[in-house]
PDB file of N, CA and C in Angstrom:
ATOM      1  N   UNK A   1      27.636 222.578 151.484  1.00  0.00           N
ATOM      2  CA  UNK A   1      27.277 223.866 152.046  1.00  0.00           C
ATOM      3  C   UNK A   1      26.236 223.650 153.141  1.00  0.00           C
ATOM      4  N   UNK A   2      26.353 224.413 154.201  1.00  0.00           N
ATOM      5  CA  UNK A   2      25.432 224.259 155.322  1.00  0.00           C
ATOM      6  C   UNK A   2      24.057 224.804 154.984  1.00  0.00           C
ATOM      7  N   UNK A   3      23.047 224.275 155.693  1.00  0.00           N
ATOM      8  CA  UNK A   3      21.664 224.684 155.448  1.00  0.00           C
ATOM      9  C   UNK A   3      21.459 226.179 155.677  1.00  0.00           C
ATOM     10  N   UNK A   4      22.052 226.733 156.728  1.00  0.00           N
ATOM     11  CA  UNK A   4      21.871 228.159 157.013  1.00  0.00           C
ATOM     12  C   UNK A   4      22.408 229.017 155.874  1.00  0.00           C
ATOM     13  N   UNK A   5      23.556 228.622 155.334  1.00  0.00           N
ATOM     14  CA  UNK A   5      24.145 229.378 154.237  1.00  0.00           C
ATOM     15  C   UNK A   5      23.284 229.267 152.980  1.00  0.00           C
ATOM     16  N   UNK A   6      22.707 228.085 152.747  1.00  0.00           N
ATOM     17  CA  UNK A   6      21.818 227.898 151.594  1.00  0.00           C
ATOM     18  C   UNK A   6      20.608 228.805 151.716  1.00  0.00           C
ATOM     19  N   UNK A   7      19.995 228.846 152.895  1.00  0.00           N
ATOM     20  CA  UNK A   7      18.816 229.678 153.090  1.00  0.00           C
ATOM     21  C   UNK A   7      19.169 231.160 153.015  1.00  0.00           C
ATOM     22  N   UNK A   8      20.373 231.519 153.441  1.00  0.00           N
ATOM     23  CA  UNK A   8      20.822 232.902 153.312  1.00  0.00           C
ATOM     24  C   UNK A   8      20.934 233.277 151.834  1.00  0.00           C
ATOM     25  N   UNK A   9      21.592 232.421 151.046  1.00  0.00           N
ATOM     26  CA  UNK A   9      21.684 232.673 149.605  1.00  0.00           C
ATOM     27  C   UNK A   9      20.299 232.726 148.963  1.00  0.00           C
ATOM     28  N   UNK A  10      19.428 231.810 149.351  1.00  0.00           N
ATOM     29  CA  UNK A  10      18.076 231.784 148.790  1.00  0.00           C
ATOM     30  C   UNK A  10      17.328 233.065 149.135  1.00  0.00           C
ATOM     31  N   UNK A  11      17.442 233.511 150.376  1.00  0.00           N
ATOM     32  CA  UNK A  11      16.776 234.739 150.793  1.00  0.00           C
ATOM     33  C   UNK A  11      17.327 235.961 150.083  1.00  0.00           C
ATOM     34  N   UNK A  12      18.652 236.035 149.952  1.00  0.00           N
ATOM     35  CA  UNK A  12      19.253 237.172 149.260  1.00  0.00           C
ATOM     36  C   UNK A  12      18.878 237.180 147.785  1.00  0.00           C
ATOM     37  N   UNK A  13      18.891 236.014 147.143  1.00  0.00           N
ATOM     38  CA  UNK A  13      18.482 235.926 145.735  1.00  0.00           C
ATOM     39  C   UNK A  13      17.025 236.365 145.575  1.00  0.00           C
ATOM     40  N   UNK A  14      16.180 235.935 146.500  1.00  0.00           N
ATOM     41  CA  UNK A  14      14.761 236.282 146.433  1.00  0.00           C
ATOM     42  C   UNK A  14      14.532 237.766 146.673  1.00  0.00           C
ATOM     43  N   UNK A  15      15.222 238.324 147.649  1.00  0.00           N
ATOM     44  CA  UNK A  15      15.083 239.762 147.915  1.00  0.00           C
ATOM     45  C   UNK A  15      15.616 240.597 146.751  1.00  0.00           C
ATOM     46  N   UNK A  16      16.707 240.147 146.142  1.00  0.00           N
ATOM     47  CA  UNK A  16      17.227 240.836 144.967  1.00  0.00           C
ATOM     48  C   UNK A  16      16.241 240.795 143.812  1.00  0.00           C
ATOM     49  N   UNK A  17      15.622 239.643 143.619  1.00  0.00           N
ATOM     50  CA  UNK A  17      14.614 239.503 142.572  1.00  0.00           C
ATOM     51  C   UNK A  17      13.421 240.399 142.861  1.00  0.00           C
ATOM     52  N   UNK A  18      12.972 240.420 144.106  1.00  0.00           N
ATOM     53  CA  UNK A  18      11.844 241.261 144.493  1.00  0.00           C
ATOM     54  C   UNK A  18      12.172 242.742 144.290  1.00  0.00           C
ATOM     55  N   UNK A  19      13.377 243.150 144.663  1.00  0.00           N
ATOM     56  CA  UNK A  19      13.788 244.544 144.474  1.00  0.00           C
ATOM     57  C   UNK A  19      13.808 244.891 142.990  1.00  0.00           C
ATOM     58  N   UNK A  20      14.296 243.988 142.163  1.00  0.00           N
ATOM     59  CA  UNK A  20      14.322 244.244 140.725  1.00  0.00           C
ATOM     60  C   UNK A  20      12.899 244.356 140.173  1.00  0.00           C
ATOM     61  N   UNK A  21      12.009 243.485 140.619  1.00  0.00           N
ATOM     62  CA  UNK A  21      10.617 243.536 140.166  1.00  0.00           C
ATOM     63  C   UNK A  21       9.978 244.861 140.580  1.00  0.00           C
ATOM     64  N   UNK A  22      10.237 245.319 141.802  1.00  0.00           N
ATOM     65  CA  UNK A  22       9.709 246.613 142.242  1.00  0.00           C
ATOM     66  C   UNK A  22      10.261 247.757 141.392  1.00  0.00           C
ATOM     67  N   UNK A  23      11.542 247.680 141.050  1.00  0.00           N
ATOM     68  CA  UNK A  23      12.154 248.709 140.220  1.00  0.00           C
ATOM     69  C   UNK A  23      11.518 248.746 138.830  1.00  0.00           C
ATOM     70  N   UNK A  24      11.301 247.589 138.229  1.00  0.00           N
ATOM     71  CA  UNK A  24      10.677 247.533 136.906  1.00  0.00           C
ATOM     72  C   UNK A  24       9.229 248.013 136.982  1.00  0.00           C
ATOM     73  N   UNK A  25       8.514 247.637 138.026  1.00  0.00           N
ATOM     74  CA  UNK A  25       7.124 248.089 138.183  1.00  0.00           C
ATOM     75  C   UNK A  25       7.073 249.604 138.345  1.00  0.00           C
ATOM     76  N   UNK A  26       8.004 250.165 139.123  1.00  0.00           N
ATOM     77  CA  UNK A  26       8.052 251.617 139.273  1.00  0.00           C
ATOM     78  C   UNK A  26       8.342 252.276 137.929  1.00  0.00           C
ATOM     79  N   UNK A  27       9.295 251.722 137.185  1.00  0.00           N
ATOM     80  CA  UNK A  27       9.644 252.282 135.877  1.00  0.00           C
ATOM     81  C   UNK A  27       8.450 252.250 134.934  1.00  0.00           C
ATOM     82  N   UNK A  28       7.742 251.128 134.901  1.00  0.00           N
ATOM     83  CA  UNK A  28       6.600 251.020 133.999  1.00  0.00           C
ATOM     84  C   UNK A  28       5.467 251.967 134.412  1.00  0.00           C
ATOM     85  N   UNK A  29       5.311 252.183 135.708  1.00  0.00           N
ATOM     86  CA  UNK A  29       4.279 253.113 136.186  1.00  0.00           C
ATOM     87  C   UNK A  29       4.603 254.556 135.834  1.00  0.00           C
ATOM     88  N   UNK A  30       5.886 254.868 135.764  1.00  0.00           N
ATOM     89  CA  UNK A  30       6.313 256.246 135.522  1.00  0.00           C
ATOM     90  C   UNK A  30       6.886 256.468 134.130  1.00  0.00           C
ATOM     91  N   UNK A  31       6.778 255.519 133.242  1.00  0.00           N
ATOM     92  CA  UNK A  31       7.378 255.643 131.911  1.00  0.00           C
ATOM     93  C   UNK A  31       6.804 256.818 131.141  1.00  0.00           C
ATOM     94  N   UNK A  32       5.512 257.058 131.273  1.00  0.00           N
ATOM     95  CA  UNK A  32       4.893 258.177 130.552  1.00  0.00           C
ATOM     96  C   UNK A  32       5.454 259.510 131.036  1.00  0.00           C
ATOM     97  N   UNK A  33       5.705 259.620 132.333  1.00  0.00           N
ATOM     98  CA  UNK A  33       6.296 260.852 132.874  1.00  0.00           C
ATOM     99  C   UNK A  33       7.748 261.011 132.438  1.00  0.00           C
ATOM    100  N   UNK A  34       8.458 259.894 132.314  1.00  0.00           N
ATOM    101  CA  UNK A  34       9.873 259.941 131.960  1.00  0.00           C
ATOM    102  C   UNK A  34      10.053 260.263 130.481  1.00  0.00           C
ATOM    103  N   UNK A  35       9.304 259.552 129.616  1.00  0.00           N
ATOM    104  CA  UNK A  35       9.513 259.673 128.174  1.00  0.00           C
ATOM    105  C   UNK A  35       8.509 260.592 127.492  1.00  0.00           C
ATOM    106  N   UNK A  36       7.463 260.959 128.164  1.00  0.00           N
ATOM    107  CA  UNK A  36       6.429 261.772 127.547  1.00  0.00           C
ATOM    108  C   UNK A  36       5.354 260.894 126.946  1.00  0.00           C
ATOM    109  N   UNK A  37       4.248 261.528 126.613  1.00  0.00           N
ATOM    110  CA  UNK A  37       3.087 260.784 126.144  1.00  0.00           C
ATOM    111  C   UNK A  37       3.181 260.412 124.673  1.00  0.00           C
ATOM    112  N   UNK A  38       3.981 261.106 123.914  1.00  0.00           N
ATOM    113  CA  UNK A  38       3.997 260.934 122.468  1.00  0.00           C
ATOM    114  C   UNK A  38       5.112 260.010 121.976  1.00  0.00           C
ATOM    115  N   UNK A  39       5.411 258.967 122.688  1.00  0.00           N
ATOM    116  CA  UNK A  39       6.367 257.977 122.191  1.00  0.00           C
ATOM    117  C   UNK A  39       5.617 257.106 121.199  1.00  0.00           C
ATOM    118  N   UNK A  40       6.204 256.892 120.040  1.00  0.00           N
ATOM    119  CA  UNK A  40       5.525 256.111 119.012  1.00  0.00           C
ATOM    120  C   UNK A  40       5.268 254.685 119.453  1.00  0.00           C
ATOM    121  N   UNK A  41       4.254 254.071 118.859  1.00  0.00           N
ATOM    122  CA  UNK A  41       3.894 252.699 119.223  1.00  0.00           C
ATOM    123  C   UNK A  41       5.031 251.726 118.972  1.00  0.00           C
ATOM    124  N   UNK A  42       5.751 251.915 117.866  1.00  0.00           N
ATOM    125  CA  UNK A  42       6.848 251.012 117.566  1.00  0.00           C
ATOM    126  C   UNK A  42       7.947 251.110 118.628  1.00  0.00           C
ATOM    127  N   UNK A  43       8.266 252.337 119.022  1.00  0.00           N
ATOM    128  CA  UNK A  43       9.321 252.520 120.014  1.00  0.00           C
ATOM    129  C   UNK A  43       8.901 251.995 121.377  1.00  0.00           C
ATOM    130  N   UNK A  44       7.665 252.243 121.757  1.00  0.00           N
ATOM    131  CA  UNK A  44       7.219 251.749 123.063  1.00  0.00           C
ATOM    132  C   UNK A  44       7.153 250.225 123.060  1.00  0.00           C
ATOM    133  N   UNK A  45       6.720 249.632 121.962  1.00  0.00           N
ATOM    134  CA  UNK A  45       6.711 248.173 121.869  1.00  0.00           C
ATOM    135  C   UNK A  45       8.112 247.595 121.935  1.00  0.00           C
ATOM    136  N   UNK A  46       9.052 248.245 121.239  1.00  0.00           N
ATOM    137  CA  UNK A  46      10.443 247.780 121.267  1.00  0.00           C
ATOM    138  C   UNK A  46      11.032 247.908 122.665  1.00  0.00           C
ATOM    139  N   UNK A  47      10.716 249.015 123.353  1.00  0.00           N
ATOM    140  CA  UNK A  47      11.232 249.192 124.718  1.00  0.00           C
ATOM    141  C   UNK A  47      10.669 248.139 125.661  1.00  0.00           C
ATOM    142  N   UNK A  48       9.395 247.824 125.509  1.00  0.00           N
ATOM    143  CA  UNK A  48       8.784 246.816 126.379  1.00  0.00           C
ATOM    144  C   UNK A  48       9.408 245.448 126.131  1.00  0.00           C
ATOM    145  N   UNK A  49       9.632 245.100 124.868  1.00  0.00           N
ATOM    146  CA  UNK A  49      10.253 243.809 124.569  1.00  0.00           C
ATOM    147  C   UNK A  49      11.689 243.742 125.072  1.00  0.00           C
ATOM    148  N   UNK A  50      12.438 244.831 124.916  1.00  0.00           N
ATOM    149  CA  UNK A  50      13.803 244.851 125.444  1.00  0.00           C
ATOM    150  C   UNK A  50      13.810 244.767 126.966  1.00  0.00           C
ATOM    151  N   UNK A  51      12.872 245.452 127.602  1.00  0.00           N
ATOM    152  CA  UNK A  51      12.768 245.365 129.061  1.00  0.00           C
ATOM    153  C   UNK A  51      12.431 243.942 129.494  1.00  0.00           C
ATOM    154  N   UNK A  52      11.567 243.272 128.737  1.00  0.00           N
ATOM    155  CA  UNK A  52      11.244 241.879 129.038  1.00  0.00           C
ATOM    156  C   UNK A  52      12.480 240.993 128.942  1.00  0.00           C
ATOM    157  N   UNK A  53      13.259 241.171 127.886  1.00  0.00           N
ATOM    158  CA  UNK A  53      14.464 240.362 127.710  1.00  0.00           C
ATOM    159  C   UNK A  53      15.459 240.619 128.832  1.00  0.00           C
ATOM    160  N   UNK A  54      15.658 241.887 129.168  1.00  0.00           N
ATOM    161  CA  UNK A  54      16.581 242.223 130.261  1.00  0.00           C
ATOM    162  C   UNK A  54      16.070 241.656 131.580  1.00  0.00           C
ATOM    163  N   UNK A  55      14.767 241.738 131.808  1.00  0.00           N
ATOM    164  CA  UNK A  55      14.187 241.218 133.049  1.00  0.00           C
ATOM    165  C   UNK A  55      14.346 239.710 133.160  1.00  0.00           C
ATOM    166  N   UNK A  56      14.141 239.005 132.067  1.00  0.00           N
ATOM    167  CA  UNK A  56      14.330 237.550 132.081  1.00  0.00           C
ATOM    168  C   UNK A  56      15.785 237.218 132.393  1.00  0.00           C
ATOM    169  N   UNK A  57      16.708 237.967 131.808  1.00  0.00           N
ATOM    170  CA  UNK A  57      18.126 237.720 132.058  1.00  0.00           C
ATOM    171  C   UNK A  57      18.492 237.997 133.519  1.00  0.00           C
ATOM    172  N   UNK A  58      18.068 239.139 134.035  1.00  0.00           N
ATOM    173  CA  UNK A  58      18.426 239.513 135.412  1.00  0.00           C
ATOM    174  C   UNK A  58      17.810 238.548 136.421  1.00  0.00           C
ATOM    175  N   UNK A  59      16.512 238.289 136.299  1.00  0.00           N
ATOM    176  CA  UNK A  59      15.878 237.391 137.267  1.00  0.00           C
ATOM    177  C   UNK A  59      16.372 235.957 137.092  1.00  0.00           C
ATOM    178  N   UNK A  60      16.657 235.567 135.854  1.00  0.00           N
ATOM    179  CA  UNK A  60      17.228 234.235 135.634  1.00  0.00           C
ATOM    180  C   UNK A  60      18.576 234.083 136.311  1.00  0.00           C
ATOM    181  N   UNK A  61      19.401 235.114 136.216  1.00  0.00           N
ATOM    182  CA  UNK A  61      20.700 235.068 136.889  1.00  0.00           C
ATOM    183  C   UNK A  61      20.541 235.052 138.407  1.00  0.00           C
ATOM    184  N   UNK A  62      19.615 235.855 138.923  1.00  0.00           N
ATOM    185  CA  UNK A  62      19.418 235.897 140.375  1.00  0.00           C
ATOM    186  C   UNK A  62      18.899 234.568 140.916  1.00  0.00           C
ATOM    187  N   UNK A  63      17.989 233.940 140.197  1.00  0.00           N
ATOM    188  CA  UNK A  63      17.371 232.706 140.692  1.00  0.00           C
ATOM    189  C   UNK A  63      18.180 231.472 140.301  1.00  0.00           C
ATOM    190  N   UNK A  64      18.697 231.443 139.084  1.00  0.00           N
ATOM    191  CA  UNK A  64      19.326 230.225 138.565  1.00  0.00           C
ATOM    192  C   UNK A  64      20.854 230.252 138.526  1.00  0.00           C
ATOM    193  N   UNK A  65      21.461 231.428 138.666  1.00  0.00           N
ATOM    194  CA  UNK A  65      22.907 231.534 138.493  1.00  0.00           C
ATOM    195  C   UNK A  65      23.726 230.613 139.380  1.00  0.00           C
ATOM    196  N   UNK A  66      23.587 230.748 140.686  1.00  0.00           N
ATOM    197  CA  UNK A  66      24.364 229.928 141.613  1.00  0.00           C
ATOM    198  C   UNK A  66      23.985 228.445 141.525  1.00  0.00           C
ATOM    199  N   UNK A  67      22.684 228.089 141.443  1.00  0.00           N
ATOM    200  CA  UNK A  67      22.363 226.664 141.306  1.00  0.00           C
ATOM    201  C   UNK A  67      22.955 226.024 140.044  1.00  0.00           C
ATOM    202  N   UNK A  68      23.001 226.762 138.943  1.00  0.00           N
ATOM    203  CA  UNK A  68      23.593 226.206 137.727  1.00  0.00           C
ATOM    204  C   UNK A  68      25.082 225.978 137.911  1.00  0.00           C
ATOM    205  N   UNK A  69      25.779 226.955 138.517  1.00  0.00           N
ATOM    206  CA  UNK A  69      27.206 226.772 138.780  1.00  0.00           C
ATOM    207  C   UNK A  69      27.464 225.589 139.705  1.00  0.00           C
ATOM    208  N   UNK A  70      26.635 225.448 140.722  1.00  0.00           N
ATOM    209  CA  UNK A  70      26.787 224.320 141.639  1.00  0.00           C
ATOM    210  C   UNK A  70      26.538 223.001 140.914  1.00  0.00           C
ATOM    211  N   UNK A  71      25.538 222.975 140.047  1.00  0.00           N
ATOM    212  CA  UNK A  71      25.216 221.761 139.300  1.00  0.00           C
ATOM    213  C   UNK A  71      26.368 221.375 138.375  1.00  0.00           C
ATOM    214  N   UNK A  72      26.933 222.357 137.694  1.00  0.00           N
ATOM    215  CA  UNK A  72      28.055 222.095 136.785  1.00  0.00           C
ATOM    216  C   UNK A  72      29.260 221.579 137.558  1.00  0.00           C
ATOM    217  N   UNK A  73      29.470 222.075 138.780  1.00  0.00           N
ATOM    218  CA  UNK A  73      30.598 221.645 139.599  1.00  0.00           C
ATOM    219  C   UNK A  73      30.359 220.329 140.324  1.00  0.00           C
ATOM    220  N   UNK A  74      29.262 219.643 140.008  1.00  0.00           N
ATOM    221  CA  UNK A  74      29.008 218.329 140.573  1.00  0.00           C
ATOM    222  C   UNK A  74      28.257 218.330 141.886  1.00  0.00           C
ATOM    223  N   UNK A  75      27.829 219.467 142.339  1.00  0.00           N
ATOM    224  CA  UNK A  75      27.088 219.554 143.603  1.00  0.00           C
ATOM    225  C   UNK A  75      25.596 219.590 143.287  1.00  0.00           C
ATOM    226  N   UNK A  76      25.106 218.488 142.717  1.00  0.00           N
ATOM    227  CA  UNK A  76      23.758 218.436 142.180  1.00  0.00           C
ATOM    228  C   UNK A  76      22.672 218.560 143.250  1.00  0.00           C
ATOM    229  N   UNK A  77      22.792 217.824 144.312  1.00  0.00           N
ATOM    230  CA  UNK A  77      21.766 217.882 145.368  1.00  0.00           C
ATOM    231  C   UNK A  77      21.691 219.268 145.990  1.00  0.00           C
ATOM    232  N   UNK A  78      22.862 219.854 146.244  1.00  0.00           N
ATOM    233  CA  UNK A  78      22.872 221.196 146.818  1.00  0.00           C
ATOM    234  C   UNK A  78      22.244 222.219 145.871  1.00  0.00           C
ATOM    235  N   UNK A  79      22.494 222.058 144.573  1.00  0.00           N
ATOM    236  CA  UNK A  79      21.938 223.017 143.614  1.00  0.00           C
ATOM    237  C   UNK A  79      20.416 222.922 143.562  1.00  0.00           C
ATOM    238  N   UNK A  80      19.894 221.718 143.602  1.00  0.00           N
ATOM    239  CA  UNK A  80      18.435 221.540 143.594  1.00  0.00           C
ATOM    240  C   UNK A  80      17.844 222.066 144.898  1.00  0.00           C
ATOM    241  N   UNK A  81      18.527 221.827 146.004  1.00  0.00           N
ATOM    242  CA  UNK A  81      18.067 222.333 147.304  1.00  0.00           C
ATOM    243  C   UNK A  81      18.035 223.858 147.301  1.00  0.00           C
ATOM    244  N   UNK A  82      19.090 224.489 146.766  1.00  0.00           N
ATOM    245  CA  UNK A  82      19.143 225.948 146.721  1.00  0.00           C
ATOM    246  C   UNK A  82      18.043 226.504 145.819  1.00  0.00           C
ATOM    247  N   UNK A  83      17.811 225.879 144.697  1.00  0.00           N
ATOM    248  CA  UNK A  83      16.743 226.333 143.800  1.00  0.00           C
ATOM    249  C   UNK A  83      15.376 226.204 144.467  1.00  0.00           C
ATOM    250  N   UNK A  84      15.147 225.094 145.155  1.00  0.00           N
ATOM    251  CA  UNK A  84      13.881 224.905 145.866  1.00  0.00           C
ATOM    252  C   UNK A  84      13.738 225.926 147.001  1.00  0.00           C
ATOM    253  N   UNK A  85      14.818 226.163 147.731  1.00  0.00           N
ATOM    254  CA  UNK A  85      14.774 227.143 148.824  1.00  0.00           C
ATOM    255  C   UNK A  85      14.512 228.550 148.290  1.00  0.00           C
ATOM    256  N   UNK A  86      15.099 228.881 147.152  1.00  0.00           N
ATOM    257  CA  UNK A  86      14.854 230.183 146.539  1.00  0.00           C
ATOM    258  C   UNK A  86      13.387 230.313 146.139  1.00  0.00           C
ATOM    259  N   UNK A  87      12.823 229.262 145.589  1.00  0.00           N
ATOM    260  CA  UNK A  87      11.408 229.291 145.218  1.00  0.00           C
ATOM    261  C   UNK A  87      10.513 229.437 146.442  1.00  0.00           C
ATOM    262  N   UNK A  88      10.858 228.775 147.531  1.00  0.00           N
ATOM    263  CA  UNK A  88      10.085 228.911 148.773  1.00  0.00           C
ATOM    264  C   UNK A  88      10.159 230.356 149.264  1.00  0.00           C
ATOM    265  N   UNK A  89      11.347 230.942 149.249  1.00  0.00           N
ATOM    266  CA  UNK A  89      11.499 232.335 149.689  1.00  0.00           C
ATOM    267  C   UNK A  89      10.714 233.288 148.788  1.00  0.00           C
ATOM    268  N   UNK A  90      10.757 233.059 147.476  1.00  0.00           N
ATOM    269  CA  UNK A  90       9.986 233.896 146.558  1.00  0.00           C
ATOM    270  C   UNK A  90       8.494 233.774 146.823  1.00  0.00           C
ATOM    271  N   UNK A  91       8.033 232.567 147.121  1.00  0.00           N
ATOM    272  CA  UNK A  91       6.613 232.367 147.410  1.00  0.00           C
ATOM    273  C   UNK A  91       6.220 233.064 148.707  1.00  0.00           C
ATOM    274  N   UNK A  92       7.084 233.022 149.708  1.00  0.00           N
ATOM    275  CA  UNK A  92       6.810 233.719 150.968  1.00  0.00           C
ATOM    276  C   UNK A  92       6.744 235.229 150.735  1.00  0.00           C
ATOM    277  N   UNK A  93       7.673 235.766 149.939  1.00  0.00           N
ATOM    278  CA  UNK A  93       7.645 237.189 149.610  1.00  0.00           C
ATOM    279  C   UNK A  93       6.365 237.531 148.858  1.00  0.00           C
ATOM    280  N   UNK A  94       5.955 236.658 147.946  1.00  0.00           N
ATOM    281  CA  UNK A  94       4.708 236.848 147.201  1.00  0.00           C
ATOM    282  C   UNK A  94       3.512 236.905 148.146  1.00  0.00           C
ATOM    283  N   UNK A  95       3.431 235.970 149.081  1.00  0.00           N
ATOM    284  CA  UNK A  95       2.320 235.961 150.037  1.00  0.00           C
ATOM    285  C   UNK A  95       2.329 237.195 150.928  1.00  0.00           C
ATOM    286  N   UNK A  96       3.507 237.579 151.402  1.00  0.00           N
ATOM    287  CA  UNK A  96       3.607 238.785 152.227  1.00  0.00           C
ATOM    288  C   UNK A  96       3.192 240.025 151.448  1.00  0.00           C
ATOM    289  N   UNK A  97       3.568 240.078 150.175  1.00  0.00           N
ATOM    290  CA  UNK A  97       3.189 241.214 149.336  1.00  0.00           C
ATOM    291  C   UNK A  97       1.674 241.280 149.169  1.00  0.00           C
ATOM    292  N   UNK A  98       1.052 240.135 148.934  1.00  0.00           N
ATOM    293  CA  UNK A  98      -0.405 240.100 148.809  1.00  0.00           C
ATOM    294  C   UNK A  98      -1.061 240.563 150.108  1.00  0.00           C
ATOM    295  N   UNK A  99      -0.568 240.085 151.241  1.00  0.00           N
ATOM    296  CA  UNK A  99      -1.141 240.481 152.528  1.00  0.00           C
ATOM    297  C   UNK A  99      -0.960 241.970 152.790  1.00  0.00           C
ATOM    298  N   UNK A 100       0.235 242.488 152.519  1.00  0.00           N
ATOM    299  CA  UNK A 100       0.507 243.906 152.778  1.00  0.00           C
ATOM    300  C   UNK A 100      -0.324 244.787 151.857  1.00  0.00           C
ATOM    301  N   UNK A 101      -0.349 244.481 150.558  1.00  0.00           N
ATOM    302  CA  UNK A 101      -1.137 245.296 149.636  1.00  0.00           C
ATOM    303  C   UNK A 101      -2.623 245.139 149.899  1.00  0.00           C
ATOM    304  N   UNK A 102      -3.056 243.964 150.278  1.00  0.00           N
ATOM    305  CA  UNK A 102      -4.447 243.778 150.640  1.00  0.00           C
ATOM    306  C   UNK A 102      -4.829 244.585 151.857  1.00  0.00           C
ATOM    307  N   UNK A 103      -3.927 244.665 152.837  1.00  0.00           N
ATOM    308  CA  UNK A 103      -4.172 245.446 154.036  1.00  0.00           C
ATOM    309  C   UNK A 103      -4.179 246.935 153.708  1.00  0.00           C
ATOM    310  N   UNK A 104      -3.262 247.379 152.840  1.00  0.00           N
ATOM    311  CA  UNK A 104      -3.188 248.786 152.470  1.00  0.00           C
ATOM    312  C   UNK A 104      -4.438 249.207 151.709  1.00  0.00           C
ATOM    313  N   UNK A 105      -4.908 248.344 150.805  1.00  0.00           N
ATOM    314  CA  UNK A 105      -6.084 248.683 150.010  1.00  0.00           C
ATOM    315  C   UNK A 105      -7.325 248.773 150.880  1.00  0.00           C
ATOM    316  N   UNK A 106      -7.439 247.912 151.897  1.00  0.00           N
ATOM    317  CA  UNK A 106      -8.612 247.925 152.778  1.00  0.00           C
ATOM    318  C   UNK A 106      -8.667 249.160 153.656  1.00  0.00           C
ATOM    319  N   UNK A 107      -7.501 249.715 153.996  1.00  0.00           N
ATOM    320  CA  UNK A 107      -7.500 250.881 154.892  1.00  0.00           C
ATOM    321  C   UNK A 107      -7.569 252.182 154.156  1.00  0.00           C
TER     322      UNK A 107
END
């Protein structure tokens, strides 16, 4: 696979992961408005644990899905390259998020 295509996949995987993280953060911020204040502790704990499991599955598939398939199909170097490129893209998104939120908080 060409380098440009690898970086495209890495960027799309990273943006998908970032979008999912934003969606979960929005949900957690608004959970009290959605479900009301009187959700029992057991139910809220169970919902948080289920959300954690779903989040691990979704982000794991977004970050590791294609590299694992490539690795199984014998394209080991490409799979490691794609995983590394995805991590670089995620780190860049992380840094940009810190800069943007830091700028917003200062103003």
